[in-house]
Amino acid sequence: MKLVRVCAARPMDGHRVQLTLTDGRVIERDVGPMLTGPIFSEIRSNPVRFREMRVEGGTLVWPNGADLCPDVLIWGGLPPAETASDAA
């Protein structure tokens, strides 16, 4: 099973983002609940800072060093388990 990662991102209103994944899917996520802790404080409160996101290493990162776990960003947790048909 090949890992699915983010290959492009477009900020939207609020803390929503449109993600293009390496498997071709395009999904939308509200990342607001994921922006916790001091490193995300300016990103949460300043829309200009939020929009400074870029894709690096298959996930979202910001210039201040903040990033999001790609599995949580894409799947909301760990990726789905590999099935027998995937392994064949």
N, C-alpha and C. Protein backbone atom coordinates (compact mmCIF):
# COMPACT_ATOMS: atom_id res chain seq x y z
N MET A 1 0.85 -1.18 0.00
CA MET A 1 0.00 0.00 0.00
C MET A 1 0.89 1.24 0.00
N LYS A 2 0.73 2.07 -0.99
CA LYS A 2 1.51 3.29 -1.10
C LYS A 2 0.91 4.36 -0.20
N LEU A 3 1.76 5.06 0.54
CA LEU A 3 1.28 6.12 1.42
C LEU A 3 0.70 7.27 0.60
N VAL A 4 -0.46 7.72 1.00
CA VAL A 4 -1.09 8.87 0.38
C VAL A 4 -0.62 10.11 1.13
N ARG A 5 -0.21 11.10 0.39
CA ARG A 5 0.26 12.34 0.98
C ARG A 5 -0.33 13.53 0.24
N VAL A 6 -0.12 14.71 0.76
CA VAL A 6 -0.60 15.95 0.16
C VAL A 6 0.43 16.40 -0.89
N CYS A 7 -0.07 16.76 -2.09
CA CYS A 7 0.86 17.28 -3.10
C CYS A 7 0.55 18.73 -3.46
N ALA A 8 -0.63 19.24 -3.07
CA ALA A 8 -0.97 20.64 -3.29
C ALA A 8 -2.02 21.05 -2.26
N ALA A 9 -2.02 22.33 -1.92
CA ALA A 9 -2.98 22.85 -0.94
C ALA A 9 -3.40 24.25 -1.33
N ARG A 10 -4.68 24.54 -1.08
CA ARG A 10 -5.21 25.87 -1.34
C ARG A 10 -6.01 26.31 -0.12
N PRO A 11 -5.59 27.41 0.54
CA PRO A 11 -6.36 27.90 1.68
C PRO A 11 -7.72 28.40 1.23
N MET A 12 -8.71 28.21 2.10
CA MET A 12 -10.07 28.65 1.82
C MET A 12 -10.51 29.55 2.98
N ASP A 13 -11.80 29.84 3.08
CA ASP A 13 -12.31 30.67 4.16
C ASP A 13 -12.11 30.00 5.51
N GLY A 14 -11.96 30.83 6.53
CA GLY A 14 -11.76 30.31 7.88
C GLY A 14 -10.46 29.53 7.93
N HIS A 15 -10.51 28.37 8.54
CA HIS A 15 -9.34 27.50 8.60
C HIS A 15 -9.53 26.27 7.72
N ARG A 16 -10.29 26.43 6.66
CA ARG A 16 -10.50 25.33 5.72
C ARG A 16 -9.41 25.35 4.66
N VAL A 17 -9.10 24.17 4.17
CA VAL A 17 -8.07 24.04 3.14
C VAL A 17 -8.50 22.96 2.15
N GLN A 18 -8.23 23.19 0.89
CA GLN A 18 -8.48 22.19 -0.14
C GLN A 18 -7.15 21.50 -0.41
N LEU A 19 -7.14 20.18 -0.29
CA LEU A 19 -5.93 19.39 -0.46
C LEU A 19 -6.04 18.51 -1.69
N THR A 20 -4.99 18.51 -2.50
CA THR A 20 -4.88 17.55 -3.59
C THR A 20 -3.92 16.49 -3.11
N LEU A 21 -4.36 15.23 -3.18
CA LEU A 21 -3.58 14.11 -2.66
C LEU A 21 -2.84 13.39 -3.78
N THR A 22 -1.81 12.66 -3.40
CA THR A 22 -0.99 11.95 -4.38
C THR A 22 -1.75 10.86 -5.11
N ASP A 23 -2.92 10.44 -4.60
CA ASP A 23 -3.73 9.44 -5.31
C ASP A 23 -4.75 10.11 -6.25
N GLY A 24 -4.67 11.45 -6.37
CA GLY A 24 -5.55 12.17 -7.28
C GLY A 24 -6.80 12.76 -6.66
N ARG A 25 -7.15 12.33 -5.45
CA ARG A 25 -8.34 12.87 -4.80
C ARG A 25 -8.12 14.32 -4.39
N VAL A 26 -9.20 15.08 -4.38
CA VAL A 26 -9.20 16.45 -3.86
C VAL A 26 -10.19 16.45 -2.70
N ILE A 27 -9.72 16.84 -1.52
CA ILE A 27 -10.56 16.84 -0.32
C ILE A 27 -10.49 18.21 0.35
N GLU A 28 -11.47 18.50 1.17
CA GLU A 28 -11.46 19.72 1.97
C GLU A 28 -11.42 19.33 3.44
N ARG A 29 -10.66 20.08 4.20
CA ARG A 29 -10.56 19.85 5.63
C ARG A 29 -10.66 21.17 6.37
N ASP A 30 -11.31 21.14 7.53
CA ASP A 30 -11.27 22.26 8.47
C ASP A 30 -10.13 21.92 9.43
N VAL A 31 -9.02 22.61 9.30
CA VAL A 31 -7.87 22.29 10.14
C VAL A 31 -7.86 23.10 11.44
N GLY A 32 -8.88 23.95 11.63
CA GLY A 32 -8.95 24.75 12.85
C GLY A 32 -8.74 23.96 14.13
N PRO A 33 -9.43 22.81 14.31
CA PRO A 33 -9.24 22.04 15.54
C PRO A 33 -7.82 21.45 15.68
N MET A 34 -7.07 21.39 14.60
CA MET A 34 -5.70 20.85 14.64
C MET A 34 -4.66 21.91 14.98
N LEU A 35 -5.06 23.17 14.93
CA LEU A 35 -4.11 24.27 15.16
C LEU A 35 -4.04 24.60 16.64
N THR A 36 -3.49 23.68 17.41
CA THR A 36 -3.43 23.86 18.86
C THR A 36 -1.97 24.05 19.30
N GLY A 37 -1.82 24.70 20.41
CA GLY A 37 -0.50 24.93 20.98
C GLY A 37 0.07 26.27 20.56
N PRO A 38 1.11 26.70 21.27
CA PRO A 38 1.69 28.02 21.03
C PRO A 38 2.22 28.25 19.62
N ILE A 39 2.76 27.22 18.99
CA ILE A 39 3.32 27.40 17.65
C ILE A 39 2.26 27.79 16.63
N PHE A 40 1.00 27.43 16.90
CA PHE A 40 -0.09 27.75 15.97
C PHE A 40 -0.86 29.02 16.36
N SER A 41 -0.49 29.70 17.44
CA SER A 41 -1.31 30.83 17.92
C SER A 41 -1.46 31.92 16.86
N GLU A 42 -0.38 32.35 16.23
CA GLU A 42 -0.49 33.40 15.21
C GLU A 42 -1.18 32.88 13.95
N ILE A 43 -0.96 31.62 13.61
CA ILE A 43 -1.61 31.01 12.44
C ILE A 43 -3.12 30.96 12.65
N ARG A 44 -3.54 30.64 13.88
CA ARG A 44 -4.98 30.60 14.23
C ARG A 44 -5.61 31.98 14.18
N SER A 45 -4.90 32.98 14.68
CA SER A 45 -5.50 34.30 14.87
C SER A 45 -5.29 35.25 13.69
N ASN A 46 -4.39 34.96 12.79
CA ASN A 46 -4.08 35.88 11.70
C ASN A 46 -4.27 35.17 10.35
N PRO A 47 -5.34 35.54 9.61
CA PRO A 47 -5.60 34.88 8.33
C PRO A 47 -4.44 34.98 7.33
N VAL A 48 -3.69 36.07 7.39
CA VAL A 48 -2.54 36.22 6.49
C VAL A 48 -1.50 35.14 6.81
N ARG A 49 -1.24 34.92 8.07
CA ARG A 49 -0.27 33.88 8.48
C ARG A 49 -0.78 32.49 8.11
N PHE A 50 -2.09 32.27 8.29
CA PHE A 50 -2.66 30.97 7.92
C PHE A 50 -2.43 30.68 6.44
N ARG A 51 -2.60 31.67 5.60
CA ARG A 51 -2.48 31.51 4.16
C ARG A 51 -1.02 31.35 3.70
N GLU A 52 -0.07 31.49 4.59
CA GLU A 52 1.34 31.28 4.24
C GLU A 52 1.72 29.81 4.16
N MET A 53 0.74 28.93 4.31
CA MET A 53 1.01 27.49 4.26
C MET A 53 1.61 27.10 2.92
N ARG A 54 2.38 26.02 2.96
CA ARG A 54 2.90 25.41 1.74
C ARG A 54 2.95 23.91 1.97
N VAL A 55 3.14 23.15 0.90
CA VAL A 55 3.26 21.70 1.02
C VAL A 55 4.74 21.34 1.00
N GLU A 56 5.12 20.56 1.98
CA GLU A 56 6.50 20.08 2.08
C GLU A 56 6.47 18.72 2.75
N GLY A 57 7.17 17.76 2.20
CA GLY A 57 7.21 16.43 2.79
C GLY A 57 5.85 15.76 2.84
N GLY A 58 4.94 16.14 1.94
CA GLY A 58 3.64 15.50 1.87
C GLY A 58 2.60 16.01 2.84
N THR A 59 2.87 17.16 3.48
CA THR A 59 1.91 17.72 4.42
C THR A 59 1.98 19.23 4.41
N LEU A 60 1.16 19.88 5.25
CA LEU A 60 1.16 21.34 5.34
C LEU A 60 2.20 21.81 6.35
N VAL A 61 2.93 22.85 5.96
CA VAL A 61 3.90 23.48 6.85
C VAL A 61 3.74 24.99 6.72
N TRP A 62 4.22 25.70 7.74
CA TRP A 62 4.20 27.16 7.75
C TRP A 62 5.62 27.67 7.98
N PRO A 63 5.90 28.92 7.60
CA PRO A 63 7.25 29.46 7.73
C PRO A 63 7.81 29.46 9.16
N ASN A 64 6.95 29.47 10.17
CA ASN A 64 7.44 29.47 11.55
C ASN A 64 7.85 28.08 12.04
N GLY A 65 7.77 27.06 11.17
CA GLY A 65 8.16 25.70 11.55
C GLY A 65 6.99 24.81 11.95
N ALA A 66 5.79 25.37 12.03
CA ALA A 66 4.61 24.57 12.37
C ALA A 66 4.28 23.64 11.21
N ASP A 67 3.80 22.45 11.55
CA ASP A 67 3.34 21.52 10.53
C ASP A 67 2.26 20.63 11.12
N LEU A 68 1.59 19.90 10.24
CA LEU A 68 0.54 18.98 10.67
C LEU A 68 0.91 17.57 10.24
N CYS A 69 0.61 16.60 11.07
CA CYS A 69 0.84 15.20 10.73
C CYS A 69 0.00 14.86 9.50
N PRO A 70 0.62 14.34 8.43
CA PRO A 70 -0.17 14.07 7.23
C PRO A 70 -1.27 13.04 7.44
N ASP A 71 -1.04 12.04 8.29
CA ASP A 71 -2.07 11.03 8.53
C ASP A 71 -3.30 11.63 9.21
N VAL A 72 -3.07 12.49 10.17
CA VAL A 72 -4.19 13.14 10.85
C VAL A 72 -4.88 14.11 9.89
N LEU A 73 -4.10 14.83 9.12
CA LEU A 73 -4.65 15.78 8.16
C LEU A 73 -5.52 15.08 7.11
N ILE A 74 -5.05 13.99 6.58
CA ILE A 74 -5.77 13.29 5.50
C ILE A 74 -6.86 12.37 6.05
N TRP A 75 -6.52 11.55 7.04
CA TRP A 75 -7.43 10.49 7.50
C TRP A 75 -8.12 10.80 8.82
N GLY A 76 -7.66 11.81 9.55
CA GLY A 76 -8.21 12.06 10.88
C GLY A 76 -7.62 11.09 11.90
N GLY A 77 -6.53 10.45 11.57
CA GLY A 77 -5.85 9.46 12.41
C GLY A 77 -4.97 8.61 11.53
N LEU A 78 -4.73 7.39 11.91
CA LEU A 78 -3.90 6.51 11.10
C LEU A 78 -4.60 6.16 9.79
N PRO A 79 -3.83 5.93 8.73
CA PRO A 79 -4.46 5.53 7.46
C PRO A 79 -5.20 4.22 7.63
N PRO A 80 -6.17 3.95 6.75
CA PRO A 80 -6.88 2.66 6.82
C PRO A 80 -5.89 1.50 6.71
N ALA A 81 -6.18 0.43 7.39
CA ALA A 81 -5.32 -0.75 7.36
C ALA A 81 -5.32 -1.34 5.96
N GLU A 82 -4.20 -1.90 5.59
CA GLU A 82 -4.08 -2.57 4.28
C GLU A 82 -5.00 -3.78 4.27
N THR A 83 -5.73 -3.95 3.19
CA THR A 83 -6.62 -5.11 3.08
C THR A 83 -5.93 -6.20 2.30
N ALA A 84 -6.46 -7.40 2.35
CA ALA A 84 -5.87 -8.54 1.64
C ALA A 84 -5.81 -8.25 0.14
N SER A 85 -6.81 -7.59 -0.42
CA SER A 85 -6.78 -7.30 -1.86
C SER A 85 -5.72 -6.28 -2.20
N ASP A 86 -5.39 -5.35 -1.27
CA ASP A 86 -4.33 -4.39 -1.50
C ASP A 86 -2.97 -5.05 -1.52
N ALA A 87 -2.80 -6.10 -0.70
CA ALA A 87 -1.52 -6.78 -0.58
C ALA A 87 -1.25 -7.71 -1.74
N ALA A 88 -2.30 -8.11 -2.47
CA ALA A 88 -2.14 -9.07 -3.57
C ALA A 88 -1.48 -8.45 -4.77
